[in-house]
């Protein structure tokens, strides 16, 4: 839950303040995430979701989605 709060704070405030993102965002690999989550990949292709990162921030963190990499959150 703490990760979600940090990332939400960054999205809401940090982007506009030109701050560096969290380490989690720096390590996020959209291609690997989509490869590990075919339903998300389909949602992005169908324009139901704008990006893998959007899905991960809004749903994937809470769902414990596989990143498709060695990285664990």
N, C-alpha and C. Protein backbone atom coordinates (compact mmCIF):
# COMPACT_ATOMS: atom_id res chain seq x y z
N UNK A 1 0.82 -1.20 0.00
CA UNK A 1 0.00 0.00 0.00
C UNK A 1 0.86 1.26 0.00
N UNK A 2 2.00 1.22 0.70
CA UNK A 2 2.88 2.40 0.73
C UNK A 2 3.38 2.76 -0.66
N UNK A 3 3.68 1.74 -1.47
CA UNK A 3 4.17 2.00 -2.82
C UNK A 3 3.12 2.76 -3.60
N UNK A 4 1.88 2.32 -3.51
CA UNK A 4 0.80 2.98 -4.24
C UNK A 4 0.68 4.44 -3.82
N UNK A 5 0.77 4.71 -2.54
CA UNK A 5 0.66 6.09 -2.06
C UNK A 5 1.80 6.95 -2.59
N UNK A 6 3.02 6.41 -2.60
CA UNK A 6 4.16 7.18 -3.11
C UNK A 6 4.00 7.48 -4.59
N UNK A 7 3.56 6.49 -5.35
CA UNK A 7 3.41 6.68 -6.79
C UNK A 7 2.26 7.63 -7.08
N UNK A 8 1.16 7.49 -6.36
CA UNK A 8 0.04 8.42 -6.55
C UNK A 8 0.47 9.84 -6.24
N UNK A 9 1.24 10.02 -5.18
CA UNK A 9 1.73 11.35 -4.84
C UNK A 9 2.59 11.90 -5.98
N UNK A 10 3.46 11.06 -6.53
CA UNK A 10 4.30 11.50 -7.64
C UNK A 10 3.45 11.93 -8.83
N UNK A 11 2.47 11.10 -9.19
CA UNK A 11 1.62 11.41 -10.35
C UNK A 11 0.85 12.70 -10.11
N UNK A 12 0.32 12.89 -8.91
CA UNK A 12 -0.49 14.07 -8.61
C UNK A 12 0.33 15.35 -8.46
N UNK A 13 1.53 15.24 -7.90
CA UNK A 13 2.30 16.44 -7.58
C UNK A 13 3.70 16.47 -8.19
N UNK A 14 4.39 15.37 -8.15
CA UNK A 14 5.78 15.33 -8.57
C UNK A 14 6.00 15.65 -10.04
N UNK A 15 5.11 15.17 -10.89
CA UNK A 15 5.26 15.46 -12.32
C UNK A 15 5.22 16.95 -12.58
N UNK A 16 4.25 17.63 -11.99
CA UNK A 16 4.12 19.08 -12.19
C UNK A 16 5.27 19.85 -11.56
N UNK A 17 5.84 19.30 -10.49
CA UNK A 17 6.94 19.96 -9.80
C UNK A 17 8.30 19.56 -10.38
N UNK A 18 8.28 18.74 -11.45
CA UNK A 18 9.50 18.29 -12.11
C UNK A 18 10.43 17.55 -11.16
N UNK A 19 9.86 16.73 -10.30
CA UNK A 19 10.66 15.95 -9.35
C UNK A 19 11.00 14.60 -9.94
N UNK A 20 12.03 13.99 -9.39
CA UNK A 20 12.41 12.64 -9.81
C UNK A 20 11.36 11.65 -9.32
N UNK A 21 11.11 10.66 -10.12
CA UNK A 21 10.13 9.65 -9.73
C UNK A 21 10.72 8.66 -8.73
N UNK A 22 9.89 7.78 -8.24
CA UNK A 22 10.34 6.77 -7.29
C UNK A 22 11.18 5.72 -8.00
N UNK A 23 11.94 4.98 -7.24
CA UNK A 23 12.74 3.90 -7.80
C UNK A 23 11.86 2.87 -8.50
N UNK A 24 10.67 2.64 -7.97
CA UNK A 24 9.75 1.69 -8.59
C UNK A 24 9.41 2.09 -10.02
N UNK A 25 9.16 3.38 -10.25
CA UNK A 25 8.84 3.83 -11.59
C UNK A 25 10.05 3.74 -12.52
N UNK A 26 11.22 4.00 -11.98
CA UNK A 26 12.43 3.90 -12.80
C UNK A 26 12.68 2.47 -13.24
N UNK A 27 12.28 1.49 -12.44
CA UNK A 27 12.53 0.08 -12.75
C UNK A 27 11.38 -0.55 -13.54
N UNK A 28 10.29 0.14 -13.73
CA UNK A 28 9.14 -0.43 -14.42
C UNK A 28 9.44 -0.63 -15.90
N UNK A 29 9.20 -1.83 -16.39
CA UNK A 29 9.42 -2.17 -17.80
C UNK A 29 8.07 -2.54 -18.41
N UNK A 30 7.52 -1.63 -19.20
CA UNK A 30 6.18 -1.81 -19.76
C UNK A 30 6.07 -3.06 -20.62
N UNK A 31 7.06 -3.33 -21.45
CA UNK A 31 7.01 -4.50 -22.32
C UNK A 31 6.97 -5.79 -21.50
N UNK A 32 7.77 -5.87 -20.46
CA UNK A 32 7.78 -7.07 -19.60
C UNK A 32 6.46 -7.21 -18.86
N UNK A 33 5.92 -6.10 -18.38
CA UNK A 33 4.65 -6.12 -17.66
C UNK A 33 3.53 -6.60 -18.58
N UNK A 34 3.48 -6.08 -19.80
CA UNK A 34 2.45 -6.51 -20.75
C UNK A 34 2.64 -7.96 -21.14
N UNK A 35 3.89 -8.38 -21.28
CA UNK A 35 4.17 -9.77 -21.62
C UNK A 35 3.72 -10.74 -20.54
N UNK A 36 3.76 -10.31 -19.30
CA UNK A 36 3.37 -11.15 -18.17
C UNK A 36 1.88 -11.06 -17.88
N UNK A 37 1.19 -10.08 -18.46
CA UNK A 37 -0.22 -9.83 -18.18
C UNK A 37 -0.97 -9.61 -19.49
N UNK A 38 -1.32 -10.71 -20.14
CA UNK A 38 -1.91 -10.62 -21.48
C UNK A 38 -3.24 -9.87 -21.49
N UNK A 39 -3.99 -9.93 -20.39
CA UNK A 39 -5.25 -9.18 -20.34
C UNK A 39 -5.00 -7.68 -20.36
N UNK A 40 -3.94 -7.26 -19.72
CA UNK A 40 -3.59 -5.83 -19.72
C UNK A 40 -3.10 -5.43 -21.10
N UNK A 41 -2.30 -6.28 -21.70
CA UNK A 41 -1.81 -6.02 -23.06
C UNK A 41 -3.00 -5.83 -24.01
N UNK A 42 -4.00 -6.68 -23.89
CA UNK A 42 -5.18 -6.56 -24.75
C UNK A 42 -5.94 -5.27 -24.46
N UNK A 43 -6.06 -4.91 -23.19
CA UNK A 43 -6.75 -3.67 -22.81
C UNK A 43 -6.05 -2.44 -23.38
N UNK A 44 -4.72 -2.46 -23.39
CA UNK A 44 -3.95 -1.35 -23.97
C UNK A 44 -4.16 -1.31 -25.48
N UNK A 45 -4.11 -2.47 -26.13
CA UNK A 45 -4.31 -2.53 -27.58
C UNK A 45 -5.71 -2.05 -27.97
N UNK A 46 -6.69 -2.34 -27.11
CA UNK A 46 -8.08 -1.95 -27.38
C UNK A 46 -8.40 -0.54 -26.90
N UNK A 47 -7.38 0.20 -26.44
CA UNK A 47 -7.54 1.56 -25.93
C UNK A 47 -8.46 1.65 -24.71
N UNK A 48 -8.58 0.56 -23.97
CA UNK A 48 -9.34 0.59 -22.72
C UNK A 48 -8.45 1.11 -21.58
N UNK A 49 -7.16 1.07 -21.80
CA UNK A 49 -6.16 1.52 -20.83
C UNK A 49 -5.10 2.24 -21.66
N UNK A 50 -4.61 3.38 -21.19
CA UNK A 50 -3.66 4.15 -22.01
C UNK A 50 -2.27 3.55 -22.03
N UNK A 51 -1.89 2.83 -20.96
CA UNK A 51 -0.54 2.27 -20.92
C UNK A 51 -0.43 1.20 -19.84
N UNK A 52 0.64 0.45 -19.93
CA UNK A 52 0.93 -0.55 -18.91
C UNK A 52 1.14 0.13 -17.56
N UNK A 53 1.83 1.27 -17.57
CA UNK A 53 2.08 1.99 -16.32
C UNK A 53 0.79 2.47 -15.68
N UNK A 54 -0.13 2.98 -16.50
CA UNK A 54 -1.42 3.41 -15.95
C UNK A 54 -2.11 2.25 -15.25
N UNK A 55 -2.11 1.08 -15.89
CA UNK A 55 -2.75 -0.08 -15.28
C UNK A 55 -2.06 -0.46 -13.98
N UNK A 56 -0.73 -0.49 -14.01
CA UNK A 56 0.01 -0.90 -12.81
C UNK A 56 -0.26 0.05 -11.64
N UNK A 57 -0.27 1.34 -11.89
CA UNK A 57 -0.53 2.31 -10.82
C UNK A 57 -1.96 2.18 -10.29
N UNK A 58 -2.92 2.07 -11.20
CA UNK A 58 -4.33 2.06 -10.77
C UNK A 58 -4.84 0.71 -10.29
N UNK A 59 -4.26 -0.37 -10.80
CA UNK A 59 -4.79 -1.69 -10.46
C UNK A 59 -3.71 -2.71 -10.09
N UNK A 60 -2.65 -2.74 -10.85
CA UNK A 60 -1.64 -3.78 -10.72
C UNK A 60 -0.98 -3.88 -9.37
N UNK A 61 -0.74 -2.74 -8.73
CA UNK A 61 -0.11 -2.75 -7.40
C UNK A 61 -0.99 -3.50 -6.43
N UNK A 62 -2.26 -3.12 -6.35
CA UNK A 62 -3.19 -3.75 -5.42
C UNK A 62 -3.47 -5.21 -5.78
N UNK A 63 -3.42 -5.53 -7.06
CA UNK A 63 -3.68 -6.90 -7.50
C UNK A 63 -2.44 -7.79 -7.37
N UNK A 64 -1.29 -7.19 -7.07
CA UNK A 64 -0.05 -7.97 -6.97
C UNK A 64 0.38 -8.53 -8.32
N UNK A 65 0.16 -7.77 -9.38
CA UNK A 65 0.48 -8.23 -10.73
C UNK A 65 1.97 -8.52 -10.90
N UNK A 66 2.24 -9.52 -11.72
CA UNK A 66 3.60 -9.90 -12.08
C UNK A 66 4.20 -8.85 -12.99
N UNK A 67 5.41 -8.40 -12.65
CA UNK A 67 6.10 -7.40 -13.47
C UNK A 67 6.70 -8.01 -14.73
N UNK A 68 6.86 -9.34 -14.73
CA UNK A 68 7.48 -9.99 -15.86
C UNK A 68 8.99 -9.84 -15.85
N UNK A 69 9.54 -9.42 -14.73
CA UNK A 69 10.99 -9.27 -14.57
C UNK A 69 11.39 -9.86 -13.24
N UNK A 70 12.65 -9.76 -12.92
CA UNK A 70 13.15 -10.23 -11.63
C UNK A 70 12.75 -9.29 -10.50
N UNK A 71 12.29 -8.09 -10.84
CA UNK A 71 11.94 -7.08 -9.85
C UNK A 71 10.71 -7.49 -9.06
N UNK A 72 10.77 -7.35 -7.76
CA UNK A 72 9.60 -7.61 -6.94
C UNK A 72 9.28 -6.37 -6.13
N UNK A 73 8.01 -6.09 -5.99
CA UNK A 73 7.57 -4.92 -5.24
C UNK A 73 6.74 -5.38 -4.06
